[in-house]
Each structure stands twice: as C-alpha cells, then as structure tokens.
Amino acid sequence: MCLAIPGRVKKIFNDHTAEIEIGGIIKRASLDLIPKVEVGEYVLLHAGFAIEVINQIEALKIFEAWEGKID
C-alpha cells in the first residue's frame, strides 16, 4: 500500500515537472506518469511523482478527512 497526497498544479515546466501546492506548501514533482495534466488540476503525489489526476471534490474530501471534519 502507498500513501498519495493530493495537490493542485500551480505551474508546469518544459522538463515534465510541475509546482504542486499542498496545503500552502509548494513542491516540485515529476509529470512523467501523467503528461497531459493542466495547471489548476488536482493530482495525487507519491514519492515525487504525480500519479493520477483527481477532481476537486475528491481532493477536498481528502483534505477534510485529514482535518478530522469527516469520518
């Protein structure tokens, strides 16, 4: 099992990497596994790679669960 963290794509670079915002923190991640992602979309991050595009509702549910707002 792996842990993947949702984040929002803020900027995409020509080297197939992107700036991803996770709770106000900006991290750089590889887009090699999902090259068609666009700025503003939410992705799941694992070990420095964006591994899947998710919708905003899914991302927000994960954030709420982490904050203990939902069961």
Protein backbone atom coordinates (compact mmCIF):
# COMPACT_ATOMS: atom_id res chain seq x y z
CA MET A 1 0.00 0.00 0.00
CA CYS A 2 1.20 3.52 -0.72
CA LEU A 3 0.32 6.94 0.58
CA ALA A 4 -0.57 9.52 -2.06
CA ILE A 5 -1.15 13.17 -1.21
CA PRO A 6 -3.46 15.46 -3.22
CA GLY A 7 -2.17 18.77 -4.50
CA ARG A 8 -3.06 21.44 -7.06
CA VAL A 9 -0.88 22.07 -10.11
CA LYS A 10 0.32 25.69 -9.99
CA LYS A 11 2.92 25.79 -12.79
CA ILE A 12 4.20 23.37 -15.42
CA PHE A 13 7.79 23.38 -16.70
CA ASN A 14 9.19 22.13 -20.01
CA ASP A 15 11.14 19.33 -18.33
CA HIS A 16 7.91 17.46 -17.42
CA THR A 17 7.88 18.75 -13.86
CA ALA A 18 5.42 20.98 -12.06
CA GLU A 19 4.99 23.10 -8.97
CA ILE A 20 2.29 21.48 -6.86
CA GLU A 21 0.60 23.22 -3.92
CA ILE A 22 -0.16 21.03 -0.92
CA GLY A 23 -1.79 22.87 1.95
CA GLY A 24 0.02 26.13 1.15
CA ILE A 25 3.40 24.45 0.56
CA ILE A 26 4.86 24.33 -2.95
CA LYS A 27 6.68 21.16 -4.03
CA ARG A 28 8.19 20.23 -7.38
CA ALA A 29 7.09 16.88 -8.84
CA SER A 30 7.55 14.84 -11.99
CA LEU A 31 4.70 14.65 -14.51
CA ASP A 32 6.22 11.73 -16.42
CA LEU A 33 3.37 9.40 -15.42
CA ILE A 34 0.56 11.83 -16.36
CA PRO A 35 1.93 14.17 -19.06
CA LYS A 36 -1.46 15.65 -20.07
CA VAL A 37 -2.20 17.33 -16.76
CA GLU A 38 -3.04 21.06 -16.83
CA VAL A 39 -2.49 23.99 -14.46
CA GLY A 40 -5.30 24.15 -11.91
CA GLU A 41 -6.00 20.43 -11.86
CA TYR A 42 -5.59 18.30 -8.74
CA VAL A 43 -3.23 15.34 -8.72
CA LEU A 44 -2.18 12.62 -6.32
CA LEU A 45 1.53 12.73 -5.44
CA HIS A 46 3.66 9.79 -4.39
CA ALA A 47 7.45 9.75 -3.98
CA GLY A 48 7.97 12.89 -6.08
CA PHE A 49 5.68 11.80 -8.93
CA ALA A 50 2.18 12.92 -9.86
CA ILE A 51 0.48 9.55 -10.34
CA GLU A 52 -3.16 10.40 -11.07
CA VAL A 53 -5.41 13.35 -11.87
CA ILE A 54 -8.35 13.67 -9.46
CA ASN A 55 -11.25 16.09 -9.37
CA GLN A 56 -11.51 18.95 -6.91
CA ILE A 57 -14.29 17.31 -4.90
CA GLU A 58 -12.16 14.21 -4.26
CA ALA A 59 -9.19 16.37 -3.23
CA LEU A 60 -11.31 18.45 -0.84
CA LYS A 61 -12.77 15.30 0.75
CA ILE A 62 -9.26 14.04 1.44
CA PHE A 63 -8.24 17.38 2.99
CA GLU A 64 -11.38 17.37 5.19
CA ALA A 65 -10.66 13.81 6.34
CA TRP A 66 -7.12 14.80 7.34
CA GLU A 67 -8.50 17.70 9.35
CA GLY A 68 -10.97 15.38 11.10
CA LYS A 69 -14.03 17.10 9.65
CA ILE A 70 -15.49 13.89 8.20
CA ASP A 71 -15.47 10.23 9.24
